[in-house]
Each structure stands twice: as C-alpha cells, then as structure tokens.
Amino acid sequence: MLLAASHMCLATAAEAPKIAVVQTERILREAVPAKAAQTKLEQEFGKRDKELQELGAKLKQAGERLERDASVMAESER
C-alpha cells in the first residue's frame, strides 16, 4: 500500500503544471450582456455626443475667427 501511494505521488509530481490565462477585458467586451449594455449606451448618448461634437466645432470656428479678426471686430462681436 505504501508502494502504491508513493507511485501516485511520483505520477502527479511528474505532470507539468497547468496554467490558465483569463482575459477579463475580452470577456467583458464580448459577453452578450456587455454588448447589450454597450448598444444601449450608444443609443442613449449617441445623439448627445454628436451635438457636443457639433458645438465644439462651432466654438473652435468662433475662436479662430476671433483670433483672426479681433482687430477689426466691433466690441459687441467679441
């Protein structure tokens, strides 16, 4: 019996250790609930994001115009 137990220990010691890698980022990105949540967020905030992008572009244009034409603009236009 002791001999059988020692053979079992040797057999398990000779096996290579098994290592697993879990990519949590991939799981969270590709899981069905995550995809559903992402779609919902895009629908909810997509319009707002577009509006903010347009507003930012207008603000940038106004700033460029102010820098370019500040010397000839009326005080009320600045």
N, C-alpha and C. Protein backbone atom coordinates (compact mmCIF):
# COMPACT_ATOMS: atom_id res chain seq x y z
N MET A 1 0.83 -1.19 0.00
CA MET A 1 0.00 0.00 0.00
C MET A 1 0.87 1.25 0.00
N LEU A 2 1.90 1.21 0.77
CA LEU A 2 2.82 2.33 0.80
C LEU A 2 3.49 2.52 -0.55
N LEU A 3 3.77 1.43 -1.20
CA LEU A 3 4.39 1.47 -2.53
C LEU A 3 3.43 2.09 -3.55
N ALA A 4 2.16 1.77 -3.48
CA ALA A 4 1.17 2.33 -4.40
C ALA A 4 1.01 3.83 -4.17
N ALA A 5 1.02 4.25 -2.93
CA ALA A 5 0.90 5.67 -2.61
C ALA A 5 2.10 6.45 -3.12
N SER A 6 3.28 5.86 -3.02
CA SER A 6 4.48 6.56 -3.49
C SER A 6 4.47 6.67 -5.02
N HIS A 7 3.93 5.67 -5.72
CA HIS A 7 3.82 5.75 -7.18
C HIS A 7 2.83 6.85 -7.60
N MET A 8 1.76 7.01 -6.83
CA MET A 8 0.78 8.05 -7.14
C MET A 8 1.41 9.43 -6.97
N CYS A 9 2.20 9.60 -5.92
CA CYS A 9 2.86 10.88 -5.69
C CYS A 9 3.85 11.19 -6.81
N LEU A 10 4.57 10.20 -7.26
CA LEU A 10 5.53 10.40 -8.34
C LEU A 10 4.82 10.75 -9.65
N ALA A 11 3.69 10.12 -9.89
CA ALA A 11 2.95 10.37 -11.12
C ALA A 11 2.42 11.80 -11.15
N THR A 12 1.90 12.28 -10.04
CA THR A 12 1.38 13.65 -10.02
C THR A 12 2.50 14.67 -10.03
N ALA A 13 3.63 14.35 -9.46
CA ALA A 13 4.76 15.27 -9.45
C ALA A 13 5.37 15.39 -10.84
N ALA A 14 5.27 14.36 -11.64
CA ALA A 14 5.87 14.37 -12.97
C ALA A 14 5.04 15.16 -13.98
N GLU A 15 3.76 15.39 -13.71
CA GLU A 15 2.91 16.15 -14.63
C GLU A 15 3.32 17.62 -14.63
N ALA A 16 3.25 18.22 -15.78
CA ALA A 16 3.57 19.64 -15.88
C ALA A 16 2.45 20.46 -15.25
N PRO A 17 2.80 21.55 -14.61
CA PRO A 17 1.75 22.39 -14.02
C PRO A 17 0.89 23.00 -15.12
N LYS A 18 -0.38 23.12 -14.84
CA LYS A 18 -1.31 23.69 -15.82
C LYS A 18 -1.60 25.13 -15.42
N ILE A 19 -1.41 26.01 -16.35
CA ILE A 19 -1.61 27.43 -16.09
C ILE A 19 -2.66 27.94 -17.08
N ALA A 20 -3.61 28.67 -16.57
CA ALA A 20 -4.66 29.24 -17.42
C ALA A 20 -4.56 30.76 -17.40
N VAL A 21 -4.88 31.37 -18.52
CA VAL A 21 -4.89 32.82 -18.62
C VAL A 21 -6.33 33.24 -18.89
N VAL A 22 -6.83 34.14 -18.07
CA VAL A 22 -8.19 34.64 -18.24
C VAL A 22 -8.10 36.09 -18.68
N GLN A 23 -8.65 36.37 -19.83
CA GLN A 23 -8.64 37.73 -20.36
C GLN A 23 -9.96 38.39 -20.00
N THR A 24 -9.99 39.01 -18.83
CA THR A 24 -11.24 39.60 -18.34
C THR A 24 -11.72 40.73 -19.24
N GLU A 25 -10.80 41.50 -19.80
CA GLU A 25 -11.21 42.58 -20.69
C GLU A 25 -11.96 42.03 -21.89
N ARG A 26 -11.47 40.95 -22.45
CA ARG A 26 -12.13 40.34 -23.61
C ARG A 26 -13.50 39.78 -23.21
N ILE A 27 -13.56 39.15 -22.06
CA ILE A 27 -14.83 38.59 -21.59
C ILE A 27 -15.86 39.70 -21.42
N LEU A 28 -15.44 40.79 -20.77
CA LEU A 28 -16.37 41.89 -20.55
C LEU A 28 -16.78 42.58 -21.85
N ARG A 29 -15.89 42.60 -22.83
CA ARG A 29 -16.18 43.25 -24.10
C ARG A 29 -17.08 42.40 -24.99
N GLU A 30 -16.87 41.07 -24.96
CA GLU A 30 -17.56 40.20 -25.91
C GLU A 30 -18.76 39.46 -25.33
N ALA A 31 -19.01 39.57 -24.05
CA ALA A 31 -20.14 38.88 -23.45
C ALA A 31 -21.45 39.50 -23.94
N VAL A 32 -22.46 38.71 -24.04
CA VAL A 32 -23.76 39.17 -24.55
C VAL A 32 -24.32 40.33 -23.71
N PRO A 33 -24.32 40.23 -22.37
CA PRO A 33 -24.82 41.37 -21.60
C PRO A 33 -23.99 42.64 -21.81
N ALA A 34 -22.70 42.48 -21.99
CA ALA A 34 -21.84 43.64 -22.22
C ALA A 34 -22.16 44.28 -23.56
N LYS A 35 -22.39 43.47 -24.57
CA LYS A 35 -22.73 44.01 -25.89
C LYS A 35 -24.08 44.73 -25.84
N ALA A 36 -25.02 44.16 -25.12
CA ALA A 36 -26.34 44.80 -24.99
C ALA A 36 -26.22 46.13 -24.27
N ALA A 37 -25.42 46.16 -23.21
CA ALA A 37 -25.23 47.41 -22.47
C ALA A 37 -24.54 48.45 -23.34
N GLN A 38 -23.56 48.04 -24.12
CA GLN A 38 -22.84 48.97 -25.00
C GLN A 38 -23.79 49.55 -26.04
N THR A 39 -24.64 48.72 -26.61
CA THR A 39 -25.61 49.19 -27.61
C THR A 39 -26.58 50.19 -26.98
N LYS A 40 -27.04 49.88 -25.79
CA LYS A 40 -27.97 50.78 -25.09
C LYS A 40 -27.31 52.13 -24.80
N LEU A 41 -26.06 52.10 -24.36
CA LEU A 41 -25.35 53.34 -24.08
C LEU A 41 -25.13 54.16 -25.35
N GLU A 42 -24.80 53.48 -26.44
CA GLU A 42 -24.60 54.19 -27.70
C GLU A 42 -25.89 54.84 -28.18
N GLN A 43 -27.01 54.15 -28.01
CA GLN A 43 -28.30 54.72 -28.41
C GLN A 43 -28.66 55.91 -27.53
N GLU A 44 -28.40 55.78 -26.24
CA GLU A 44 -28.78 56.82 -25.30
C GLU A 44 -27.91 58.07 -25.43
N PHE A 45 -26.63 57.87 -25.60
CA PHE A 45 -25.72 59.00 -25.59
C PHE A 45 -25.17 59.38 -26.96
N GLY A 46 -25.50 58.66 -27.99
CA GLY A 46 -25.00 58.96 -29.33
C GLY A 46 -25.44 60.32 -29.82
N LYS A 47 -26.71 60.66 -29.61
CA LYS A 47 -27.23 61.95 -30.05
C LYS A 47 -26.55 63.08 -29.29
N ARG A 48 -26.40 62.90 -27.98
CA ARG A 48 -25.74 63.93 -27.18
C ARG A 48 -24.29 64.12 -27.61
N ASP A 49 -23.63 63.03 -27.89
CA ASP A 49 -22.23 63.10 -28.32
C ASP A 49 -22.11 63.86 -29.63
N LYS A 50 -23.02 63.58 -30.55
CA LYS A 50 -23.00 64.28 -31.84
C LYS A 50 -23.23 65.77 -31.64
N GLU A 51 -24.18 66.13 -30.78
CA GLU A 51 -24.45 67.54 -30.50
C GLU A 51 -23.23 68.22 -29.89
N LEU A 52 -22.57 67.53 -28.98
CA LEU A 52 -21.37 68.10 -28.36
C LEU A 52 -20.24 68.27 -29.37
N GLN A 53 -20.11 67.33 -30.29
CA GLN A 53 -19.08 67.45 -31.33
C GLN A 53 -19.36 68.66 -32.21
N GLU A 54 -20.63 68.85 -32.58
CA GLU A 54 -21.01 69.99 -33.42
C GLU A 54 -20.79 71.31 -32.68
N LEU A 55 -21.16 71.33 -31.40
CA LEU A 55 -20.97 72.53 -30.59
C LEU A 55 -19.48 72.86 -30.44
N GLY A 56 -18.68 71.84 -30.26
CA GLY A 56 -17.23 72.03 -30.16
C GLY A 56 -16.65 72.59 -31.45
N ALA A 57 -17.14 72.11 -32.58
CA ALA A 57 -16.66 72.61 -33.88
C ALA A 57 -17.04 74.08 -34.06
N LYS A 58 -18.27 74.45 -33.65
CA LYS A 58 -18.71 75.84 -33.75
C LYS A 58 -17.86 76.74 -32.85
N LEU A 59 -17.58 76.26 -31.66
CA LEU A 59 -16.77 77.02 -30.72
C LEU A 59 -15.35 77.22 -31.26
N LYS A 60 -14.81 76.19 -31.86
CA LYS A 60 -13.47 76.28 -32.44
C LYS A 60 -13.45 77.31 -33.57
N GLN A 61 -14.48 77.28 -34.42
CA GLN A 61 -14.57 78.24 -35.52
C GLN A 61 -14.68 79.66 -34.99
N ALA A 62 -15.48 79.85 -33.95
CA ALA A 62 -15.64 81.18 -33.37
C ALA A 62 -14.32 81.67 -32.77
N GLY A 63 -13.60 80.79 -32.12
CA GLY A 63 -12.30 81.16 -31.55
C GLY A 63 -11.30 81.53 -32.62
N GLU A 64 -11.29 80.76 -33.71
CA GLU A 64 -10.38 81.07 -34.82
C GLU A 64 -10.74 82.41 -35.46
N ARG A 65 -12.03 82.66 -35.59
CA ARG A 65 -12.49 83.94 -36.17
C ARG A 65 -12.09 85.09 -35.27
N LEU A 66 -12.23 84.91 -33.96
CA LEU A 66 -11.86 85.96 -33.01
C LEU A 66 -10.36 86.26 -33.10
N GLU A 67 -9.54 85.23 -33.17
CA GLU A 67 -8.09 85.45 -33.28
C GLU A 67 -7.73 86.15 -34.59
N ARG A 68 -8.40 85.76 -35.65
CA ARG A 68 -8.09 86.29 -36.97
C ARG A 68 -8.59 87.73 -37.15
N ASP A 69 -9.83 87.99 -36.69
CA ASP A 69 -10.47 89.28 -36.98
C ASP A 69 -10.66 90.16 -35.76
N ALA A 70 -10.00 89.90 -34.66
CA ALA A 70 -10.23 90.65 -33.42
C ALA A 70 -9.96 92.14 -33.60
N SER A 71 -8.97 92.48 -34.38
CA SER A 71 -8.61 93.89 -34.53
C SER A 71 -9.66 94.69 -35.30
N VAL A 72 -10.43 94.03 -36.15
CA VAL A 72 -11.44 94.75 -36.95
C VAL A 72 -12.86 94.50 -36.47
N MET A 73 -13.02 93.69 -35.45
CA MET A 73 -14.37 93.37 -34.95
C MET A 73 -14.83 94.45 -33.98
N ALA A 74 -16.13 94.69 -33.98
CA ALA A 74 -16.71 95.60 -33.01
C ALA A 74 -16.66 94.94 -31.63
N GLU A 75 -16.69 95.76 -30.60
CA GLU A 75 -16.62 95.24 -29.23
C GLU A 75 -17.77 94.28 -28.94
N SER A 76 -18.95 94.54 -29.48
CA SER A 76 -20.11 93.68 -29.23
C SER A 76 -19.95 92.31 -29.89
N GLU A 77 -19.20 92.24 -30.98
CA GLU A 77 -18.98 90.96 -31.67
C GLU A 77 -17.99 90.06 -30.94
N ARG A 78 -17.09 90.68 -30.19
CA ARG A 78 -16.09 89.90 -29.48
C ARG A 78 -16.74 89.18 -28.36
